[in-house]
Protein backbone atom coordinates (compact mmCIF):
# COMPACT_ATOMS: atom_id res chain seq x y z
CA MET A 1 -39.03 20.69 -3.58
CA PRO A 2 -35.76 22.23 -4.05
CA ASP A 3 -35.08 24.34 -7.25
CA TRP A 4 -32.37 22.12 -7.97
CA LEU A 5 -34.08 18.97 -7.66
CA ARG A 6 -36.88 20.45 -9.92
CA SER A 7 -34.00 21.11 -12.38
CA ILE A 8 -32.88 17.76 -12.26
CA MET A 9 -36.38 15.67 -12.43
CA LYS A 10 -38.62 18.21 -15.02
CA PRO A 11 -36.66 18.09 -17.82
CA LEU A 12 -36.90 14.17 -17.69
CA GLY A 13 -40.38 14.08 -17.34
CA ILE A 14 -40.03 12.21 -14.19
CA PRO A 15 -43.09 12.93 -11.17
CA VAL A 16 -42.25 13.54 -7.78
CA LYS A 17 -44.12 11.24 -5.56
CA VAL A 18 -42.28 11.76 -2.29
CA ASP A 19 -39.97 15.06 -1.47
CA LEU A 20 -37.02 13.23 -0.67
CA PRO A 21 -34.15 15.97 -1.47
CA ALA A 22 -31.37 14.02 0.49
CA VAL A 23 -31.45 11.18 -2.39
CA GLY A 24 -28.43 10.82 -4.28
CA GLU A 25 -26.45 13.26 -2.01
CA ASN A 26 -23.72 12.36 0.17
CA LEU A 27 -21.90 10.25 -2.17
CA GLN A 28 -18.50 9.04 -0.34
CA ASP A 29 -15.88 7.70 -2.56
CA GLN A 30 -12.35 6.04 -2.73
CA PRO A 31 -10.01 7.63 -5.14
CA ASN A 32 -7.61 5.03 -6.72
CA VAL A 33 -4.00 5.74 -7.36
CA ALA A 34 -1.47 3.18 -8.66
CA PHE A 35 2.51 2.43 -9.03
CA THR A 36 3.04 0.31 -11.97
CA PHE A 37 6.49 -1.33 -12.13
CA ASN A 38 9.15 -2.95 -14.36
CA THR A 39 10.44 -5.71 -12.60
CA THR A 40 13.37 -8.68 -12.55
CA THR A 41 10.53 -11.95 -12.73
CA THR A 42 8.10 -13.34 -15.06
CA PHE A 43 4.66 -13.38 -13.24
CA ASN A 44 2.17 -16.30 -13.62
CA GLY A 45 -0.30 -15.83 -10.13
CA THR A 46 -3.75 -13.43 -10.40
CA ILE A 47 -3.64 -13.47 -6.63
CA PRO A 48 -3.27 -9.88 -5.17
CA TYR A 49 -2.28 -9.19 -1.62
CA ILE A 50 -3.76 -6.32 0.42
CA THR A 51 -2.16 -4.50 3.16
CA TYR A 52 -4.07 -1.92 5.60
CA GLY A 53 -2.84 0.74 7.37
CA SER A 54 -3.78 2.91 10.40
CA MET A 55 -2.73 6.83 10.09
CA ALA A 56 0.27 6.57 12.46
CA ASP A 57 1.85 4.17 10.25
CA PHE A 58 1.74 6.66 7.93
CA PHE A 59 0.90 10.00 8.05
CA GLY A 60 1.95 10.64 12.09
CA ASP A 61 0.46 12.01 14.84
CA LEU A 62 -3.39 13.30 13.79
CA PRO A 63 -3.85 16.95 14.81
CA LYS A 64 -5.99 17.62 17.69
CA ASN A 65 -7.69 20.59 16.88
CA VAL A 66 -9.17 20.16 13.24
CA ASN A 67 -11.73 22.37 12.43
CA LEU A 68 -13.97 19.71 11.40
CA ILE A 69 -17.83 22.24 11.65
CA SER A 70 -15.61 23.83 8.61
CA TRP A 71 -15.63 20.91 6.71
CA ALA A 72 -19.21 20.16 7.67
CA GLU A 73 -20.27 22.95 5.82
CA LEU A 74 -18.14 22.77 2.64
CA VAL A 75 -19.35 19.46 2.46
CA SER A 76 -22.81 20.58 3.03
CA THR A 77 -22.86 23.21 0.70
CA ALA A 78 -21.29 20.66 -2.36
CA THR A 79 -24.36 18.23 -1.63
CA ASN A 80 -26.88 20.59 -1.89
CA ASN A 81 -27.49 21.44 1.93
CA ALA A 82 -29.36 17.96 1.80
CA ILE A 83 -27.44 17.17 4.62
CA PRO A 84 -27.34 20.05 8.04
CA ILE A 85 -23.90 20.80 8.82
CA SER A 86 -24.88 19.48 12.79
CA THR A 87 -24.98 16.33 11.16
CA LEU A 88 -22.16 15.97 9.32
CA GLU A 89 -19.85 17.45 11.79
CA GLY A 90 -21.07 14.79 14.21
CA LEU A 91 -20.74 12.23 11.46
CA PHE A 92 -17.09 13.76 10.76
CA CYS A 93 -16.46 13.75 14.88
CA ILE A 94 -17.07 10.10 15.15
CA GLN A 95 -14.87 9.46 11.69
CA TYR A 96 -11.81 11.30 13.15
CA SER A 97 -11.81 9.77 16.50
CA LEU A 98 -12.01 6.92 14.67
CA LEU A 99 -8.73 7.69 12.95
CA GLN A 100 -7.32 8.50 15.81
CA GLN A 101 -7.98 4.87 17.28
CA GLY A 102 -6.05 3.73 14.69
CA VAL A 103 -9.11 2.19 12.00
CA PRO A 104 -6.94 1.27 8.93
CA GLN A 105 -7.21 4.33 6.85
CA ALA A 106 -5.08 3.15 4.03
CA GLU A 107 -5.51 0.32 1.74
CA VAL A 108 -2.60 -0.78 -0.77
CA ILE A 109 -3.09 -3.77 -3.12
CA ILE A 110 -0.20 -5.67 -4.72
CA SER A 111 -1.15 -7.63 -7.75
CA THR A 112 0.07 -8.65 -11.61
CA ILE A 113 -0.73 -7.28 -14.78
CA LYS A 114 -2.19 -10.59 -15.49
CA ASP A 115 -4.45 -9.87 -12.59
CA LEU A 116 -5.87 -6.50 -14.47
CA GLY A 117 -6.36 -9.26 -17.76
CA LEU A 118 -3.71 -8.53 -19.24
CA GLY A 119 -1.76 -11.69 -19.40
CA VAL A 120 1.85 -13.09 -18.30
CA SER A 121 4.52 -10.15 -17.90
CA SER A 122 7.30 -8.71 -15.64
CA PHE A 123 4.65 -6.02 -14.92
CA LEU A 124 3.80 -5.38 -10.93
CA PHE A 125 0.59 -3.03 -10.50
CA SER A 126 -0.07 -1.75 -7.02
CA ALA A 127 -2.90 0.46 -6.38
CA PHE A 128 -3.48 2.80 -3.28
CA TRP A 129 -6.24 4.59 -1.25
CA LEU A 130 -7.39 6.27 1.73
CA LEU A 131 -10.42 4.17 3.03
CA MET A 132 -12.56 7.09 5.02
CA PRO A 133 -12.68 10.20 3.15
CA PHE A 134 -14.18 12.96 4.46
CA SER A 135 -15.15 14.58 0.87
CA ARG A 136 -18.46 13.80 -0.12
CA GLY A 137 -20.63 14.21 -3.57
CA ASN A 138 -23.35 12.89 -4.99
CA VAL A 139 -25.01 10.56 -7.75
CA HIS A 140 -28.01 11.99 -9.98
CA ILE A 141 -30.08 10.40 -12.71
CA LYS A 142 -29.52 11.91 -16.23
CA SER A 143 -32.15 10.26 -18.26
CA SER A 144 -35.23 8.51 -18.20
CA ASP A 145 -33.99 5.50 -19.84
CA PRO A 146 -32.57 2.91 -17.08
CA LEU A 147 -29.80 1.79 -18.81
CA VAL A 148 -28.39 5.37 -18.92
CA TYR A 149 -25.41 5.76 -16.84
CA PRO A 150 -26.29 8.81 -13.97
CA LEU A 151 -24.11 11.80 -13.42
CA ILE A 152 -21.64 10.85 -10.56
CA ASN A 153 -19.45 13.48 -9.00
CA PRO A 154 -17.54 12.04 -6.37
CA ASN A 155 -16.07 15.56 -5.37
CA PHE A 156 -12.62 14.11 -4.48
CA PHE A 157 -10.57 16.09 -1.88
CA LEU A 158 -13.13 18.57 -1.58
CA VAL A 159 -11.72 17.89 1.65
CA ASP A 160 -8.11 19.33 1.80
CA PHE A 161 -7.01 16.76 4.19
CA ASP A 162 -8.24 13.48 1.98
CA LEU A 163 -5.32 14.61 -0.39
CA ASP A 164 -3.09 15.06 2.42
CA VAL A 165 -3.61 11.32 3.48
CA GLN A 166 -3.26 10.47 0.22
CA VAL A 167 0.15 12.19 -0.58
CA ALA A 168 1.22 10.21 2.43
CA ILE A 169 -0.15 6.79 1.61
CA ALA A 170 1.46 7.89 -1.61
CA LYS A 171 4.95 8.38 0.12
CA TRP A 172 4.71 5.43 2.35
CA THR A 173 4.22 3.19 -0.81
CA ARG A 174 6.94 4.23 -2.76
CA ARG A 175 9.13 3.40 0.43
CA PHE A 176 7.89 0.25 0.34
CA TYR A 177 9.55 -0.74 -2.85
CA GLU A 178 12.80 0.80 -1.33
CA THR A 179 13.57 -1.64 1.27
CA GLU A 180 15.83 -4.41 0.86
CA SER A 181 13.41 -6.90 0.03
CA MET A 182 12.10 -5.24 -2.97
CA LYS A 183 15.15 -3.13 -4.86
CA SER A 184 16.45 -6.92 -5.81
CA LEU A 185 12.83 -7.35 -7.52
CA VAL A 186 11.83 -3.50 -9.07
CA LEU A 187 13.94 -2.57 -12.58
CA THR A 188 11.96 0.77 -12.79
CA GLU A 189 9.11 2.76 -11.73
CA LEU A 190 6.92 3.37 -14.79
CA SER A 191 4.04 5.32 -13.02
CA PRO A 192 4.05 7.98 -11.95
CA GLY A 193 7.80 7.37 -12.37
CA LEU A 194 11.05 9.47 -11.23
CA GLY A 195 10.68 11.79 -13.51
CA VAL A 196 7.14 13.15 -12.72
CA VAL A 197 7.46 12.35 -8.87
CA PRO A 198 11.18 12.61 -8.03
CA GLN A 199 12.67 10.85 -5.41
CA ASN A 200 12.45 12.83 -2.58
CA GLY A 201 9.11 14.92 -4.49
CA THR A 202 7.32 17.77 -2.65
CA ASP A 203 4.40 17.07 -1.27
CA GLU A 204 2.94 19.66 -4.00
CA GLN A 205 4.61 17.38 -6.81
CA TRP A 206 2.48 14.13 -5.55
CA ALA A 207 -0.60 16.60 -5.06
CA ASP A 208 -0.44 17.54 -8.49
CA TYR A 209 0.29 13.68 -10.03
CA ILE A 210 -2.49 12.27 -7.66
CA LYS A 211 -5.20 14.93 -8.63
CA ASN A 212 -4.71 14.12 -12.45
CA ALA A 213 -3.74 10.22 -12.21
CA GLY A 214 -6.30 7.88 -13.65
CA ASP A 215 -7.56 4.70 -12.19
CA CYS A 216 -5.78 2.81 -15.05
CA PRO A 217 -1.90 2.16 -15.09
CA SER A 218 0.15 4.22 -17.62
CA PHE A 219 2.88 2.11 -19.85
């Protein structure tokens, strides 16, 4: 049994019956970031609208000479080498190929604040995330009490490419609300807001916002 696994189990008094060091490793999760708008109308409904986009919709042409081995090495190290580098490289190769073929990589939800349980209002909420991140993390037990939540480390944006994609989705989403069809509806972008990410915000400004944004909108 690896030392790092022993350091988790032994203090909790949990005996190891089967040595499976990969358990809890290779966790894949999606970072959730949101826009919030003040609008010109009051919303009574609660049904969200969902759209999906491929990389070509918001990112343009994907680089052909991506160093998937370096991504695999990074992820394997971050997940206690539970998954061999060669295995991760093979999985990443399949994943990247699917993205090149147009498999959806973005999900954007448009919903009212009532949909979040906050009642009737003029607020509109639009969350977005990439569907197939390359970054991986882990989830580990931290107590022998089954009611205690585990330690969850998704390692969001461990692979820089994931952050680049999330930035592109953010720009794509904002452009949607700037179309003629939406201009008459939106009064103010409350979050992130133009004071945080300007109209022509740089990739660096978007990245700073995304890395520090929570899962819930702010008003």
